[in-house]
Amino acid sequence: MTTLRALIAAGLVVGVFGWAVAKLPPPPPMDEKAKAAAEEKKAKDAAAAEAAKAAQAKAEDRVAARYMAEQRAKGKTVTPQMGAASHDAAKAAGDAKMKDAKAKK
C-alpha cells in the first residue's frame, strides 16, 4: 500500500510540474545591451576556462616532475608518457611548423 501511495504521489508531482512548465511564457527577446553583456560574459568565461586549463596543466607537470625526481632518487628509470592534451598541443605545434616550412619553399 505504501508503494502505491508513493507511485501516485510521484505521478502527481510529475504531472503538476509538467503543467506548470507548460504554462510559462517564452523569455522576452534580448535587446542590444543584453546581447553585449552576454557576449562579454561568454568571453570572460572562456578566458577563465583557458586560465584554469593552463593552471591544471602546470600542476600536472609539477606533479609529474616531482614523481620522476623521486623515482630517479630510488634508482628507477621513468619514461614520461604524453597525455592526450599534451599530444594534441604537440601535434598542433608540429602542424604549424610544417605549414611554415611549406610556406618558405
PDB file of N, CA and C in Angstrom:
ATOM      1  N   MET A   1       0.816  -1.187   0.000  1.00  0.00           N
ATOM      2  CA  MET A   1       0.000   0.000   0.000  1.00  0.00           C
ATOM      3  C   MET A   1       0.866   1.259   0.000  1.00  0.00           C
ATOM      4  N   THR A   2       1.987   1.213   0.708  1.00  0.00           N
ATOM      5  CA  THR A   2       2.880   2.366   0.775  1.00  0.00           C
ATOM      6  C   THR A   2       3.493   2.627  -0.596  1.00  0.00           C
ATOM      7  N   THR A   3       3.832   1.552  -1.317  1.00  0.00           N
ATOM      8  CA  THR A   3       4.410   1.698  -2.642  1.00  0.00           C
ATOM      9  C   THR A   3       3.410   2.349  -3.590  1.00  0.00           C
ATOM     10  N   LEU A   4       2.163   1.962  -3.495  1.00  0.00           N
ATOM     11  CA  LEU A   4       1.126   2.542  -4.341  1.00  0.00           C
ATOM     12  C   LEU A   4       0.974   4.030  -4.046  1.00  0.00           C
ATOM     13  N   ARG A   5       0.982   4.401  -2.787  1.00  0.00           N
ATOM     14  CA  ARG A   5       0.887   5.819  -2.421  1.00  0.00           C
ATOM     15  C   ARG A   5       2.081   6.594  -2.972  1.00  0.00           C
ATOM     16  N   ALA A   6       3.287   6.019  -2.878  1.00  0.00           N
ATOM     17  CA  ALA A   6       4.482   6.685  -3.375  1.00  0.00           C
ATOM     18  C   ALA A   6       4.400   6.864  -4.886  1.00  0.00           C
ATOM     19  N   LEU A   7       3.921   5.840  -5.596  1.00  0.00           N
ATOM     20  CA  LEU A   7       3.788   5.949  -7.048  1.00  0.00           C
ATOM     21  C   LEU A   7       2.758   7.004  -7.440  1.00  0.00           C
ATOM     22  N   ILE A   8       1.669   7.056  -6.737  1.00  0.00           N
ATOM     23  CA  ILE A   8       0.641   8.063  -7.026  1.00  0.00           C
ATOM     24  C   ILE A   8       1.186   9.459  -6.749  1.00  0.00           C
ATOM     25  N   ALA A   9       1.896   9.605  -5.632  1.00  0.00           N
ATOM     26  CA  ALA A   9       2.474  10.910  -5.296  1.00  0.00           C
ATOM     27  C   ALA A   9       3.507  11.329  -6.341  1.00  0.00           C
ATOM     28  N   ALA A  10       4.347  10.405  -6.776  1.00  0.00           N
ATOM     29  CA  ALA A  10       5.351  10.716  -7.793  1.00  0.00           C
ATOM     30  C   ALA A  10       4.689  11.112  -9.106  1.00  0.00           C
ATOM     31  N   GLY A  11       3.666  10.392  -9.498  1.00  0.00           N
ATOM     32  CA  GLY A  11       2.943  10.724 -10.721  1.00  0.00           C
ATOM     33  C   GLY A  11       2.277  12.082 -10.627  1.00  0.00           C
ATOM     34  N   LEU A  12       1.733  12.396  -9.477  1.00  0.00           N
ATOM     35  CA  LEU A  12       1.103  13.698  -9.262  1.00  0.00           C
ATOM     36  C   LEU A  12       2.146  14.820  -9.354  1.00  0.00           C
ATOM     37  N   VAL A  13       3.304  14.612  -8.752  1.00  0.00           N
ATOM     38  CA  VAL A  13       4.366  15.628  -8.800  1.00  0.00           C
ATOM     39  C   VAL A  13       4.822  15.848 -10.238  1.00  0.00           C
ATOM     40  N   VAL A  14       5.047  14.777 -10.964  1.00  0.00           N
ATOM     41  CA  VAL A  14       5.488  14.892 -12.357  1.00  0.00           C
ATOM     42  C   VAL A  14       4.424  15.591 -13.190  1.00  0.00           C
ATOM     43  N   GLY A  15       3.187  15.254 -12.999  1.00  0.00           N
ATOM     44  CA  GLY A  15       2.106  15.875 -13.762  1.00  0.00           C
ATOM     45  C   GLY A  15       1.970  17.355 -13.473  1.00  0.00           C
ATOM     46  N   VAL A  16       2.020  17.738 -12.209  1.00  0.00           N
ATOM     47  CA  VAL A  16       1.890  19.149 -11.835  1.00  0.00           C
ATOM     48  C   VAL A  16       3.100  19.936 -12.342  1.00  0.00           C
ATOM     49  N   PHE A  17       4.275  19.350 -12.254  1.00  0.00           N
ATOM     50  CA  PHE A  17       5.468  20.036 -12.744  1.00  0.00           C
ATOM     51  C   PHE A  17       5.364  20.272 -14.246  1.00  0.00           C
ATOM     52  N   GLY A  18       4.948  19.268 -14.981  1.00  0.00           N
ATOM     53  CA  GLY A  18       4.781  19.415 -16.431  1.00  0.00           C
ATOM     54  C   GLY A  18       3.751  20.469 -16.773  1.00  0.00           C
ATOM     55  N   TRP A  19       2.679  20.519 -16.031  1.00  0.00           N
ATOM     56  CA  TRP A  19       1.641  21.510 -16.277  1.00  0.00           C
ATOM     57  C   TRP A  19       2.170  22.916 -15.991  1.00  0.00           C
ATOM     58  N   ALA A  20       2.952  23.058 -14.906  1.00  0.00           N
ATOM     59  CA  ALA A  20       3.482  24.370 -14.541  1.00  0.00           C
ATOM     60  C   ALA A  20       4.493  24.860 -15.580  1.00  0.00           C
ATOM     61  N   VAL A  21       5.336  23.983 -16.068  1.00  0.00           N
ATOM     62  CA  VAL A  21       6.329  24.373 -17.064  1.00  0.00           C
ATOM     63  C   VAL A  21       5.641  24.732 -18.373  1.00  0.00           C
ATOM     64  N   ALA A  22       4.603  24.045 -18.726  1.00  0.00           N
ATOM     65  CA  ALA A  22       3.899  24.310 -19.981  1.00  0.00           C
ATOM     66  C   ALA A  22       3.241  25.682 -19.962  1.00  0.00           C
ATOM     67  N   LYS A  23       2.910  26.207 -18.785  1.00  0.00           N
ATOM     68  CA  LYS A  23       2.230  27.487 -18.671  1.00  0.00           C
ATOM     69  C   LYS A  23       3.188  28.672 -18.679  1.00  0.00           C
ATOM     70  N   LEU A  24       4.513  28.439 -18.587  1.00  0.00           N
ATOM     71  CA  LEU A  24       5.453  29.549 -18.550  1.00  0.00           C
ATOM     72  C   LEU A  24       5.526  30.236 -19.906  1.00  0.00           C
ATOM     73  N   PRO A  25       5.578  31.574 -19.915  1.00  0.00           N
ATOM     74  CA  PRO A  25       5.689  32.293 -21.182  1.00  0.00           C
ATOM     75  C   PRO A  25       7.125  32.210 -21.704  1.00  0.00           C
ATOM     76  N   PRO A  26       7.306  32.388 -22.997  1.00  0.00           N
ATOM     77  CA  PRO A  26       8.668  32.362 -23.538  1.00  0.00           C
ATOM     78  C   PRO A  26       9.451  33.588 -23.049  1.00  0.00           C
ATOM     79  N   PRO A  27      10.764  33.484 -22.963  1.00  0.00           N
ATOM     80  CA  PRO A  27      11.547  34.633 -22.495  1.00  0.00           C
ATOM     81  C   PRO A  27      11.485  35.773 -23.505  1.00  0.00           C
ATOM     82  N   PRO A  28      11.552  37.011 -23.026  1.00  0.00           N
ATOM     83  CA  PRO A  28      11.484  38.137 -23.960  1.00  0.00           C
ATOM     84  C   PRO A  28      12.761  38.202 -24.796  1.00  0.00           C
ATOM     85  N   PRO A  29      12.675  38.773 -25.990  1.00  0.00           N
ATOM     86  CA  PRO A  29      13.884  38.879 -26.823  1.00  0.00           C
ATOM     87  C   PRO A  29      14.900  39.824 -26.171  1.00  0.00           C
ATOM     88  N   MET A  30      16.175  39.523 -26.380  1.00  0.00           N
ATOM     89  CA  MET A  30      17.218  40.339 -25.767  1.00  0.00           C
ATOM     90  C   MET A  30      17.432  41.615 -26.578  1.00  0.00           C
ATOM     91  N   ASP A  31      17.649  42.714 -25.866  1.00  0.00           N
ATOM     92  CA  ASP A  31      17.986  43.955 -26.553  1.00  0.00           C
ATOM     93  C   ASP A  31      19.497  44.025 -26.765  1.00  0.00           C
ATOM     94  N   GLU A  32      19.972  45.084 -27.380  1.00  0.00           N
ATOM     95  CA  GLU A  32      21.394  45.198 -27.714  1.00  0.00           C
ATOM     96  C   GLU A  32      22.277  45.183 -26.467  1.00  0.00           C
ATOM     97  N   LYS A  33      21.812  45.834 -25.410  1.00  0.00           N
ATOM     98  CA  LYS A  33      22.590  45.892 -24.171  1.00  0.00           C
ATOM     99  C   LYS A  33      22.736  44.498 -23.566  1.00  0.00           C
ATOM    100  N   ALA A  34      21.664  43.737 -23.578  1.00  0.00           N
ATOM    101  CA  ALA A  34      21.700  42.386 -23.027  1.00  0.00           C
ATOM    102  C   ALA A  34      22.570  41.472 -23.886  1.00  0.00           C
ATOM    103  N   LYS A  35      22.510  41.654 -25.201  1.00  0.00           N
ATOM    104  CA  LYS A  35      23.352  40.852 -26.093  1.00  0.00           C
ATOM    105  C   LYS A  35      24.824  41.148 -25.854  1.00  0.00           C
ATOM    106  N   ALA A  36      25.156  42.429 -25.689  1.00  0.00           N
ATOM    107  CA  ALA A  36      26.542  42.815 -25.443  1.00  0.00           C
ATOM    108  C   ALA A  36      27.015  42.242 -24.101  1.00  0.00           C
ATOM    109  N   ALA A  37      26.151  42.284 -23.097  1.00  0.00           N
ATOM    110  CA  ALA A  37      26.511  41.733 -21.785  1.00  0.00           C
ATOM    111  C   ALA A  37      26.718  40.223 -21.871  1.00  0.00           C
ATOM    112  N   ALA A  38      25.889  39.549 -22.651  1.00  0.00           N
ATOM    113  CA  ALA A  38      26.023  38.099 -22.817  1.00  0.00           C
ATOM    114  C   ALA A  38      27.323  37.757 -23.534  1.00  0.00           C
ATOM    115  N   GLU A  39      27.676  38.521 -24.551  1.00  0.00           N
ATOM    116  CA  GLU A  39      28.933  38.283 -25.272  1.00  0.00           C
ATOM    117  C   GLU A  39      30.133  38.528 -24.363  1.00  0.00           C
ATOM    118  N   GLU A  40      30.048  39.581 -23.547  1.00  0.00           N
ATOM    119  CA  GLU A  40      31.138  39.889 -22.618  1.00  0.00           C
ATOM    120  C   GLU A  40      31.296  38.768 -21.593  1.00  0.00           C
ATOM    121  N   LYS A  41      30.174  38.275 -21.077  1.00  0.00           N
ATOM    122  CA  LYS A  41      30.216  37.180 -20.103  1.00  0.00           C
ATOM    123  C   LYS A  41      30.789  35.924 -20.747  1.00  0.00           C
ATOM    124  N   LYS A  42      30.411  35.669 -21.995  1.00  0.00           N
ATOM    125  CA  LYS A  42      30.912  34.496 -22.711  1.00  0.00           C
ATOM    126  C   LYS A  42      32.422  34.589 -22.888  1.00  0.00           C
ATOM    127  N   ALA A  43      32.920  35.772 -23.256  1.00  0.00           N
ATOM    128  CA  ALA A  43      34.359  35.966 -23.424  1.00  0.00           C
ATOM    129  C   ALA A  43      35.087  35.823 -22.094  1.00  0.00           C
ATOM    130  N   LYS A  44      34.497  36.356 -21.032  1.00  0.00           N
ATOM    131  CA  LYS A  44      35.102  36.266 -19.703  1.00  0.00           C
ATOM    132  C   LYS A  44      35.166  34.810 -19.246  1.00  0.00           C
ATOM    133  N   ASP A  45      34.094  34.069 -19.484  1.00  0.00           N
ATOM    134  CA  ASP A  45      34.061  32.656 -19.107  1.00  0.00           C
ATOM    135  C   ASP A  45      35.087  31.845 -19.888  1.00  0.00           C
ATOM    136  N   ALA A  46      35.250  32.166 -21.173  1.00  0.00           N
ATOM    137  CA  ALA A  46      36.235  31.463 -21.993  1.00  0.00           C
ATOM    138  C   ALA A  46      37.647  31.747 -21.502  1.00  0.00           C
ATOM    139  N   ALA A  47      37.912  32.995 -21.129  1.00  0.00           N
ATOM    140  CA  ALA A  47      39.237  33.355 -20.615  1.00  0.00           C
ATOM    141  C   ALA A  47      39.498  32.652 -19.282  1.00  0.00           C
ATOM    142  N   ALA A  48      38.483  32.591 -18.433  1.00  0.00           N
ATOM    143  CA  ALA A  48      38.637  31.917 -17.144  1.00  0.00           C
ATOM    144  C   ALA A  48      38.865  30.423 -17.339  1.00  0.00           C
ATOM    145  N   ALA A  49      38.168  29.830 -18.299  1.00  0.00           N
ATOM    146  CA  ALA A  49      38.346  28.399 -18.571  1.00  0.00           C
ATOM    147  C   ALA A  49      39.742  28.129 -19.101  1.00  0.00           C
ATOM    148  N   GLU A  50      40.246  29.012 -19.948  1.00  0.00           N
ATOM    149  CA  GLU A  50      41.597  28.853 -20.501  1.00  0.00           C
ATOM    150  C   GLU A  50      42.641  28.988 -19.395  1.00  0.00           C
ATOM    151  N   ALA A  51      42.428  29.942 -18.480  1.00  0.00           N
ATOM    152  CA  ALA A  51      43.365  30.122 -17.363  1.00  0.00           C
ATOM    153  C   ALA A  51      43.335  28.894 -16.443  1.00  0.00           C
ATOM    154  N   ALA A  52      42.154  28.348 -16.205  1.00  0.00           N
ATOM    155  CA  ALA A  52      42.045  27.155 -15.367  1.00  0.00           C
ATOM    156  C   ALA A  52      42.714  25.960 -16.040  1.00  0.00           C
ATOM    157  N   LYS A  53      42.571  25.860 -17.342  1.00  0.00           N
ATOM    158  CA  LYS A  53      43.199  24.770 -18.085  1.00  0.00           C
ATOM    159  C   LYS A  53      44.721  24.873 -18.012  1.00  0.00           C
ATOM    160  N   ALA A  54      45.240  26.103 -18.144  1.00  0.00           N
ATOM    161  CA  ALA A  54      46.691  26.310 -18.052  1.00  0.00           C
ATOM    162  C   ALA A  54      47.197  25.990 -16.648  1.00  0.00           C
ATOM    163  N   ALA A  55      46.448  26.399 -15.628  1.00  0.00           N
ATOM    164  CA  ALA A  55      46.849  26.113 -14.249  1.00  0.00           C
ATOM    165  C   ALA A  55      46.835  24.609 -13.988  1.00  0.00           C
ATOM    166  N   GLN A  56      45.853  23.911 -14.538  1.00  0.00           N
ATOM    167  CA  GLN A  56      45.773  22.459 -14.376  1.00  0.00           C
ATOM    168  C   GLN A  56      46.972  21.782 -15.039  1.00  0.00           C
ATOM    169  N   ALA A  57      47.313  22.226 -16.239  1.00  0.00           N
ATOM    170  CA  ALA A  57      48.450  21.641 -16.947  1.00  0.00           C
ATOM    171  C   ALA A  57      49.751  21.898 -16.190  1.00  0.00           C
ATOM    172  N   LYS A  58      49.900  23.101 -15.629  1.00  0.00           N
ATOM    173  CA  LYS A  58      51.095  23.434 -14.862  1.00  0.00           C
ATOM    174  C   LYS A  58      51.201  22.559 -13.623  1.00  0.00           C
ATOM    175  N   ALA A  59      50.078  22.346 -12.943  1.00  0.00           N
ATOM    176  CA  ALA A  59      50.074  21.496 -11.746  1.00  0.00           C
ATOM    177  C   ALA A  59      50.411  20.055 -12.106  1.00  0.00           C
ATOM    178  N   GLU A  60      49.862  19.573 -13.214  1.00  0.00           N
ATOM    179  CA  GLU A  60      50.154  18.202 -13.646  1.00  0.00           C
ATOM    180  C   GLU A  60      51.634  18.040 -13.983  1.00  0.00           C
ATOM    181  N   ASP A  61      52.205  19.039 -14.648  1.00  0.00           N
ATOM    182  CA  ASP A  61      53.633  18.987 -14.975  1.00  0.00           C
ATOM    183  C   ASP A  61      54.483  18.979 -13.704  1.00  0.00           C
ATOM    184  N   ARG A  62      54.088  19.787 -12.726  1.00  0.00           N
ATOM    185  CA  ARG A  62      54.825  19.856 -11.466  1.00  0.00           C
ATOM    186  C   ARG A  62      54.782  18.519 -10.731  1.00  0.00           C
ATOM    187  N   VAL A  63      53.626  17.893 -10.711  1.00  0.00           N
ATOM    188  CA  VAL A  63      53.482  16.592 -10.048  1.00  0.00           C
ATOM    189  C   VAL A  63      54.296  15.527 -10.775  1.00  0.00           C
ATOM    190  N   ALA A  64      54.250  15.546 -12.091  1.00  0.00           N
ATOM    191  CA  ALA A  64      54.999  14.557 -12.869  1.00  0.00           C
ATOM    192  C   ALA A  64      56.504  14.730 -12.666  1.00  0.00           C
ATOM    193  N   ALA A  65      56.967  15.974 -12.636  1.00  0.00           N
ATOM    194  CA  ALA A  65      58.395  16.225 -12.427  1.00  0.00           C
ATOM    195  C   ALA A  65      58.833  15.741 -11.044  1.00  0.00           C
ATOM    196  N   ARG A  66      58.004  15.980 -10.048  1.00  0.00           N
ATOM    197  CA  ARG A  66      58.338  15.523  -8.690  1.00  0.00           C
ATOM    198  C   ARG A  66      58.380  13.996  -8.634  1.00  0.00           C
ATOM    199  N   TYR A  67      57.409  13.355  -9.258  1.00  0.00           N
ATOM    200  CA  TYR A  67      57.365  11.895  -9.278  1.00  0.00           C
ATOM    201  C   TYR A  67      58.617  11.326  -9.945  1.00  0.00           C
ATOM    202  N   MET A  68      58.986  11.907 -11.102  1.00  0.00           N
ATOM    203  CA  MET A  68      60.168  11.402 -11.802  1.00  0.00           C
ATOM    204  C   MET A  68      61.430  11.616 -10.973  1.00  0.00           C
ATOM    205  N   ALA A  69      61.525  12.752 -10.270  1.00  0.00           N
ATOM    206  CA  ALA A  69      62.697  13.009  -9.424  1.00  0.00           C
ATOM    207  C   ALA A  69      62.765  12.001  -8.278  1.00  0.00           C
ATOM    208  N   GLU A  70      61.615  11.698  -7.681  1.00  0.00           N
ATOM    209  CA  GLU A  70      61.589  10.719  -6.590  1.00  0.00           C
ATOM    210  C   GLU A  70      61.980   9.332  -7.089  1.00  0.00           C
ATOM    211  N   GLN A  71      61.523   8.969  -8.276  1.00  0.00           N
ATOM    212  CA  GLN A  71      61.858   7.656  -8.820  1.00  0.00           C
ATOM    213  C   GLN A  71      63.343   7.574  -9.185  1.00  0.00           C
ATOM    214  N   ARG A  72      63.902   8.671  -9.720  1.00  0.00           N
ATOM    215  CA  ARG A  72      65.340   8.693 -10.017  1.00  0.00           C
ATOM    216  C   ARG A  72      66.153   8.545  -8.743  1.00  0.00           C
ATOM    217  N   ALA A  73      65.683   9.165  -7.650  1.00  0.00           N
ATOM    218  CA  ALA A  73      66.382   9.065  -6.372  1.00  0.00           C
ATOM    219  C   ALA A  73      66.379   7.628  -5.867  1.00  0.00           C
ATOM    220  N   LYS A  74      65.343   6.888  -6.191  1.00  0.00           N
ATOM    221  CA  LYS A  74      65.260   5.476  -5.802  1.00  0.00           C
ATOM    222  C   LYS A  74      66.063   4.593  -6.749  1.00  0.00           C
ATOM    223  N   GLY A  75      66.517   5.159  -7.865  1.00  0.00           N
ATOM    224  CA  GLY A  75      67.289   4.390  -8.821  1.00  0.00           C
ATOM    225  C   GLY A  75      66.448   3.748  -9.911  1.00  0.00           C
ATOM    226  N   LYS A  76      65.216   4.138 -10.034  1.00  0.00           N
ATOM    227  CA  LYS A  76      64.334   3.587 -11.069  1.00  0.00           C
ATOM    228  C   LYS A  76      64.297   4.533 -12.264  1.00  0.00           C
ATOM    229  N   THR A  77      64.181   3.946 -13.437  1.00  0.00           N
ATOM    230  CA  THR A  77      64.097   4.740 -14.659  1.00  0.00           C
ATOM    231  C   THR A  77      62.626   4.952 -14.998  1.00  0.00           C
ATOM    232  N   VAL A  78      62.267   6.209 -15.212  1.00  0.00           N
ATOM    233  CA  VAL A  78      60.882   6.554 -15.548  1.00  0.00           C
ATOM    234  C   VAL A  78      60.885   7.224 -16.905  1.00  0.00           C
ATOM    235  N   THR A  79      60.084   6.700 -17.819  1.00  0.00           N
ATOM    236  CA  THR A  79      59.924   7.345 -19.119  1.00  0.00           C
ATOM    237  C   THR A  79      58.569   8.034 -19.141  1.00  0.00           C
ATOM    238  N   PRO A  80      58.569   9.356 -19.263  1.00  0.00           N
ATOM    239  CA  PRO A  80      57.294  10.077 -19.247  1.00  0.00           C
ATOM    240  C   PRO A  80      56.472   9.771 -20.491  1.00  0.00           C
ATOM    241  N   GLN A  81      55.191   9.638 -20.283  1.00  0.00           N
ATOM    242  CA  GLN A  81      54.275   9.407 -21.393  1.00  0.00           C
ATOM    243  C   GLN A  81      53.399  10.636 -21.539  1.00  0.00           C
ATOM    244  N   MET A  82      53.237  11.083 -22.767  1.00  0.00           N
ATOM    245  CA  MET A  82      52.445  12.281 -23.007  1.00  0.00           C
ATOM    246  C   MET A  82      50.961  11.936 -22.932  1.00  0.00           C
ATOM    247  N   GLY A  83      50.206  12.784 -22.250  1.00  0.00           N
ATOM    248  CA  GLY A  83      48.766  12.609 -22.167  1.00  0.00           C
ATOM    249  C   GLY A  83      48.092  13.099 -23.429  1.00  0.00           C
ATOM    250  N   ALA A  84      46.772  12.996 -23.473  1.00  0.00           N
ATOM    251  CA  ALA A  84      46.014  13.401 -24.659  1.00  0.00           C
ATOM    252  C   ALA A  84      46.157  14.894 -24.918  1.00  0.00           C
ATOM    253  N   ALA A  85      46.095  15.716 -23.865  1.00  0.00           N
ATOM    254  CA  ALA A  85      46.194  17.163 -24.048  1.00  0.00           C
ATOM    255  C   ALA A  85      47.585  17.549 -24.534  1.00  0.00           C
ATOM    256  N   SER A  86      48.604  16.942 -23.975  1.00  0.00           N
ATOM    257  CA  SER A  86      49.971  17.241 -24.389  1.00  0.00           C
ATOM    258  C   SER A  86      50.190  16.791 -25.826  1.00  0.00           C
ATOM    259  N   HIS A  87      49.633  15.647 -26.172  1.00  0.00           N
ATOM    260  CA  HIS A  87      49.784  15.120 -27.525  1.00  0.00           C
ATOM    261  C   HIS A  87      49.123  16.056 -28.530  1.00  0.00           C
ATOM    262  N   ASP A  88      47.926  16.553 -28.202  1.00  0.00           N
ATOM    263  CA  ASP A  88      47.222  17.459 -29.111  1.00  0.00           C
ATOM    264  C   ASP A  88      48.003  18.755 -29.292  1.00  0.00           C
ATOM    265  N   ALA A  89      48.570  19.275 -28.199  1.00  0.00           N
ATOM    266  CA  ALA A  89      49.332  20.520 -28.285  1.00  0.00           C
ATOM    267  C   ALA A  89      50.595  20.304 -29.109  1.00  0.00           C
ATOM    268  N   ALA A  90      51.274  19.184 -28.902  1.00  0.00           N
ATOM    269  CA  ALA A  90      52.488  18.899 -29.653  1.00  0.00           C
ATOM    270  C   ALA A  90      52.167  18.711 -31.136  1.00  0.00           C
ATOM    271  N   LYS A  91      51.062  18.056 -31.427  1.00  0.00           N
ATOM    272  CA  LYS A  91      50.665  17.832 -32.816  1.00  0.00           C
ATOM    273  C   LYS A  91      50.341  19.165 -33.497  1.00  0.00           C
ATOM    274  N   ALA A  92      49.647  20.042 -32.782  1.00  0.00           N
ATOM    275  CA  ALA A  92      49.311  21.343 -33.342  1.00  0.00           C
ATOM    276  C   ALA A  92      50.575  22.156 -33.613  1.00  0.00           C
ATOM    277  N   ALA A  93      51.550  22.091 -32.697  1.00  0.00           N
ATOM    278  CA  ALA A  93      52.810  22.805 -32.897  1.00  0.00           C
ATOM    279  C   ALA A  93      53.557  22.225 -34.093  1.00  0.00           C
ATOM    280  N   GLY A  94      53.542  20.904 -34.234  1.00  0.00           N
ATOM    281  CA  GLY A  94      54.190  20.267 -35.370  1.00  0.00           C
ATOM    282  C   GLY A  94      53.530  20.631 -36.678  1.00  0.00           C
ATOM    283  N   ASP A  95      52.207  20.692 -36.690  1.00  0.00           N
ATOM    284  CA  ASP A  95      51.485  21.085 -37.900  1.00  0.00           C
ATOM    285  C   ASP A  95      51.828  22.515 -38.290  1.00  0.00           C
ATOM    286  N   ALA A  96      51.945  23.397 -37.307  1.00  0.00           N
ATOM    287  CA  ALA A  96      52.283  24.785 -37.588  1.00  0.00           C
ATOM    288  C   ALA A  96      53.675  24.885 -38.172  1.00  0.00           C
ATOM    289  N   LYS A  97      54.621  24.098 -37.658  1.00  0.00           N
ATOM    290  CA  LYS A  97      55.989  24.127 -38.190  1.00  0.00           C
ATOM    291  C   LYS A  97      56.016  23.634 -39.626  1.00  0.00           C
ATOM    292  N   MET A  98      55.215  22.596 -39.907  1.00  0.00           N
ATOM    293  CA  MET A  98      55.174  22.063 -41.270  1.00  0.00           C
ATOM    294  C   MET A  98      54.607  23.096 -42.241  1.00  0.00           C
ATOM    295  N   LYS A  99      53.582  23.827 -41.815  1.00  0.00           N
ATOM    296  CA  LYS A  99      52.992  24.850 -42.670  1.00  0.00           C
ATOM    297  C   LYS A  99      53.992  25.959 -42.938  1.00  0.00           C
ATOM    298  N   ASP A 100      54.772  26.345 -41.903  1.00  0.00           N
ATOM    299  CA  ASP A 100      55.791  27.370 -42.088  1.00  0.00           C
ATOM    300  C   ASP A 100      56.860  26.910 -43.062  1.00  0.00           C
ATOM    301  N   ALA A 101      57.266  25.641 -42.956  1.00  0.00           N
ATOM    302  CA  ALA A 101      58.294  25.108 -43.842  1.00  0.00           C
ATOM    303  C   ALA A 101      57.783  25.083 -45.289  1.00  0.00           C
ATOM    304  N   LYS A 102      56.536  24.720 -45.489  1.00  0.00           N
ATOM    305  CA  LYS A 102      55.971  24.684 -46.839  1.00  0.00           C
ATOM    306  C   LYS A 102      55.836  26.095 -47.403  1.00  0.00           C
ATOM    307  N   ALA A 103      55.521  27.053 -46.536  1.00  0.00           N
ATOM    308  CA  ALA A 103      55.347  28.436 -46.989  1.00  0.00           C
ATOM    309  C   ALA A 103      56.692  29.030 -47.420  1.00  0.00           C
ATOM    310  N   LYS A 104      57.785  28.621 -46.792  1.00  0.00           N
ATOM    311  CA  LYS A 104      59.105  29.154 -47.119  1.00  0.00           C
ATOM    312  C   LYS A 104      59.608  28.619 -48.462  1.00  0.00           C
ATOM    313  N   LYS A 105      59.138  27.459 -48.870  1.00  0.00           N
ATOM    314  CA  LYS A 105      59.602  26.855 -50.133  1.00  0.00           C
ATOM    315  C   LYS A 105      59.070  27.551 -51.305  1.00  0.00           C
TER     316      LYS A 105
END
